Amino acid sequence: MKRMKTSDMRDLAAELLDEHGQAMLQIALRASAEHACDGCYEGAHFWYALSFLLDDILRARLDPSGPLTLH
């Protein structure tokens, strides 16, 4: 199974926001909770991590076209 790089997740977050707008953050959080309830923790972790990138882009803390730096 191929793993996504952080930059791939950033790009996905940006594309999802372009398509779905601010509602995408709530969709990601709901998807995370639903996967956790179903016992699919890998899916839950993926959507939860994606929600951080979505939130950072929405709050202009992350420029999706710029370099990605993780601390």
N, C-alpha and C. Protein backbone atom coordinates (compact mmCIF):
# COMPACT_ATOMS: atom_id res chain seq x y z
N MET A 1 0.84 -1.17 0.00
CA MET A 1 0.00 0.00 0.00
C MET A 1 0.89 1.25 0.00
N LYS A 2 0.62 2.16 -0.91
CA LYS A 2 1.40 3.39 -1.01
C LYS A 2 0.93 4.38 0.04
N ARG A 3 1.87 4.98 0.73
CA ARG A 3 1.58 6.00 1.75
C ARG A 3 1.63 7.38 1.13
N MET A 4 0.79 8.26 1.62
CA MET A 4 0.81 9.65 1.17
C MET A 4 1.89 10.41 1.92
N LYS A 5 2.57 11.30 1.21
CA LYS A 5 3.50 12.21 1.86
C LYS A 5 2.69 13.38 2.41
N THR A 6 3.29 14.12 3.32
CA THR A 6 2.61 15.28 3.90
C THR A 6 2.24 16.28 2.82
N SER A 7 3.12 16.46 1.84
CA SER A 7 2.81 17.40 0.76
C SER A 7 1.63 16.92 -0.07
N ASP A 8 1.47 15.60 -0.20
CA ASP A 8 0.30 15.05 -0.91
C ASP A 8 -0.98 15.38 -0.13
N MET A 9 -0.90 15.25 1.18
CA MET A 9 -2.08 15.56 2.01
C MET A 9 -2.41 17.05 1.93
N ARG A 10 -1.38 17.91 1.92
CA ARG A 10 -1.61 19.35 1.80
C ARG A 10 -2.31 19.65 0.48
N ASP A 11 -1.83 19.03 -0.60
CA ASP A 11 -2.43 19.24 -1.92
C ASP A 11 -3.87 18.75 -1.95
N LEU A 12 -4.13 17.60 -1.34
CA LEU A 12 -5.49 17.08 -1.27
C LEU A 12 -6.39 18.03 -0.49
N ALA A 13 -5.89 18.52 0.64
CA ALA A 13 -6.68 19.46 1.46
C ALA A 13 -7.04 20.70 0.65
N ALA A 14 -6.08 21.23 -0.09
CA ALA A 14 -6.33 22.42 -0.89
C ALA A 14 -7.37 22.15 -1.98
N GLU A 15 -7.26 21.00 -2.63
CA GLU A 15 -8.23 20.64 -3.68
C GLU A 15 -9.63 20.46 -3.10
N LEU A 16 -9.72 19.80 -1.95
CA LEU A 16 -11.03 19.59 -1.33
C LEU A 16 -11.65 20.91 -0.91
N LEU A 17 -10.85 21.83 -0.40
CA LEU A 17 -11.38 23.14 -0.03
C LEU A 17 -11.83 23.92 -1.25
N ASP A 18 -11.10 23.82 -2.34
CA ASP A 18 -11.51 24.49 -3.58
C ASP A 18 -12.86 23.97 -4.05
N GLU A 19 -13.06 22.67 -3.90
CA GLU A 19 -14.29 22.05 -4.39
C GLU A 19 -15.47 22.20 -3.43
N HIS A 20 -15.21 22.07 -2.11
CA HIS A 20 -16.30 22.00 -1.13
C HIS A 20 -16.37 23.18 -0.18
N GLY A 21 -15.34 24.03 -0.17
CA GLY A 21 -15.35 25.19 0.71
C GLY A 21 -15.16 24.82 2.18
N GLN A 22 -15.56 25.75 3.03
CA GLN A 22 -15.35 25.60 4.48
C GLN A 22 -16.05 24.39 5.07
N ALA A 23 -17.11 23.92 4.43
CA ALA A 23 -17.82 22.74 4.92
C ALA A 23 -16.93 21.51 4.96
N MET A 24 -15.85 21.53 4.18
CA MET A 24 -14.95 20.36 4.12
C MET A 24 -14.32 20.06 5.47
N LEU A 25 -14.08 21.06 6.27
CA LEU A 25 -13.50 20.82 7.60
C LEU A 25 -14.45 19.99 8.45
N GLN A 26 -15.72 20.33 8.46
CA GLN A 26 -16.70 19.56 9.23
C GLN A 26 -16.89 18.16 8.66
N ILE A 27 -16.82 18.06 7.35
CA ILE A 27 -16.93 16.74 6.70
C ILE A 27 -15.77 15.86 7.15
N ALA A 28 -14.56 16.41 7.19
CA ALA A 28 -13.38 15.63 7.61
C ALA A 28 -13.49 15.21 9.07
N LEU A 29 -13.93 16.11 9.92
CA LEU A 29 -14.08 15.77 11.35
C LEU A 29 -15.14 14.69 11.55
N ARG A 30 -16.23 14.80 10.81
CA ARG A 30 -17.28 13.79 10.90
C ARG A 30 -16.79 12.44 10.38
N ALA A 31 -16.04 12.47 9.28
CA ALA A 31 -15.48 11.23 8.73
C ALA A 31 -14.53 10.58 9.73
N SER A 32 -13.73 11.39 10.41
CA SER A 32 -12.82 10.85 11.41
C SER A 32 -13.59 10.16 12.54
N ALA A 33 -14.62 10.81 13.02
CA ALA A 33 -15.42 10.24 14.11
C ALA A 33 -16.13 8.96 13.67
N GLU A 34 -16.67 8.96 12.46
CA GLU A 34 -17.37 7.77 11.96
C GLU A 34 -16.42 6.59 11.78
N HIS A 35 -15.22 6.85 11.26
CA HIS A 35 -14.25 5.77 11.11
C HIS A 35 -13.84 5.23 12.48
N ALA A 36 -13.66 6.11 13.45
CA ALA A 36 -13.28 5.66 14.80
C ALA A 36 -14.39 4.80 15.40
N CYS A 37 -15.63 5.23 15.22
CA CYS A 37 -16.76 4.45 15.75
C CYS A 37 -16.85 3.07 15.11
N ASP A 38 -16.44 2.99 13.85
CA ASP A 38 -16.46 1.71 13.13
C ASP A 38 -15.22 0.86 13.42
N GLY A 39 -14.29 1.40 14.21
CA GLY A 39 -13.08 0.66 14.54
C GLY A 39 -12.00 0.76 13.48
N CYS A 40 -12.18 1.64 12.52
CA CYS A 40 -11.18 1.83 11.45
C CYS A 40 -10.29 3.00 11.86
N TYR A 41 -9.32 2.71 12.70
CA TYR A 41 -8.50 3.77 13.28
C TYR A 41 -7.54 4.40 12.28
N GLU A 42 -7.09 3.64 11.28
CA GLU A 42 -6.22 4.23 10.26
C GLU A 42 -6.99 5.29 9.48
N GLY A 43 -8.23 5.00 9.11
CA GLY A 43 -9.07 5.98 8.43
C GLY A 43 -9.37 7.17 9.31
N ALA A 44 -9.62 6.90 10.59
CA ALA A 44 -9.90 7.99 11.53
C ALA A 44 -8.70 8.92 11.66
N HIS A 45 -7.51 8.34 11.77
CA HIS A 45 -6.29 9.15 11.89
C HIS A 45 -6.05 9.97 10.62
N PHE A 46 -6.31 9.36 9.46
CA PHE A 46 -6.12 10.07 8.20
C PHE A 46 -7.01 11.32 8.14
N TRP A 47 -8.30 11.15 8.41
CA TRP A 47 -9.23 12.28 8.32
C TRP A 47 -8.94 13.31 9.40
N TYR A 48 -8.50 12.87 10.58
CA TYR A 48 -8.16 13.82 11.65
C TYR A 48 -6.94 14.65 11.26
N ALA A 49 -5.91 13.99 10.71
CA ALA A 49 -4.73 14.72 10.26
C ALA A 49 -5.07 15.68 9.13
N LEU A 50 -5.91 15.23 8.21
CA LEU A 50 -6.33 16.10 7.11
C LEU A 50 -7.08 17.32 7.63
N SER A 51 -7.85 17.13 8.70
CA SER A 51 -8.61 18.26 9.26
C SER A 51 -7.68 19.36 9.77
N PHE A 52 -6.50 18.99 10.27
CA PHE A 52 -5.54 20.02 10.72
C PHE A 52 -5.05 20.84 9.53
N LEU A 53 -4.76 20.18 8.41
CA LEU A 53 -4.31 20.90 7.23
C LEU A 53 -5.43 21.77 6.67
N LEU A 54 -6.65 21.26 6.66
CA LEU A 54 -7.80 22.05 6.20
C LEU A 54 -7.95 23.31 7.05
N ASP A 55 -7.87 23.13 8.36
CA ASP A 55 -8.02 24.27 9.28
C ASP A 55 -6.90 25.28 9.08
N ASP A 56 -5.68 24.79 8.93
CA ASP A 56 -4.54 25.71 8.73
C ASP A 56 -4.69 26.50 7.43
N ILE A 57 -5.17 25.87 6.38
CA ILE A 57 -5.38 26.59 5.12
C ILE A 57 -6.50 27.61 5.28
N LEU A 58 -7.59 27.22 5.92
CA LEU A 58 -8.72 28.14 6.11
C LEU A 58 -8.33 29.36 6.94
N ARG A 59 -7.46 29.17 7.93
CA ARG A 59 -7.04 30.26 8.80
C ARG A 59 -5.80 31.00 8.28
N ALA A 60 -5.41 30.67 7.06
CA ALA A 60 -4.26 31.30 6.39
C ALA A 60 -2.96 31.10 7.16
N ARG A 61 -2.85 30.00 7.90
CA ARG A 61 -1.59 29.66 8.57
C ARG A 61 -0.72 28.80 7.66
N LEU A 62 -1.32 28.31 6.58
CA LEU A 62 -0.61 27.47 5.64
C LEU A 62 -0.98 27.91 4.23
N ASP A 63 0.04 28.22 3.45
CA ASP A 63 -0.16 28.57 2.05
C ASP A 63 -0.01 27.29 1.23
N PRO A 64 -1.09 26.79 0.63
CA PRO A 64 -1.00 25.52 -0.10
C PRO A 64 -0.05 25.56 -1.30
N SER A 65 0.29 26.74 -1.78
CA SER A 65 1.20 26.82 -2.92
C SER A 65 2.66 27.02 -2.48
N GLY A 66 2.87 27.20 -1.20
CA GLY A 66 4.21 27.43 -0.69
C GLY A 66 4.85 26.17 -0.14
N PRO A 67 6.10 26.27 0.30
CA PRO A 67 6.77 25.11 0.89
C PRO A 67 6.12 24.72 2.21
N LEU A 68 6.19 23.46 2.52
CA LEU A 68 5.57 22.92 3.72
C LEU A 68 6.63 22.69 4.79
N THR A 69 6.42 23.28 5.96
CA THR A 69 7.33 23.10 7.08
C THR A 69 6.54 22.57 8.26
N LEU A 70 6.98 21.46 8.81
CA LEU A 70 6.33 20.87 9.98
C LEU A 70 7.22 21.07 11.19
N HIS A 71 6.60 21.40 12.31
CA HIS A 71 7.35 21.58 13.55
C HIS A 71 6.93 20.54 14.55
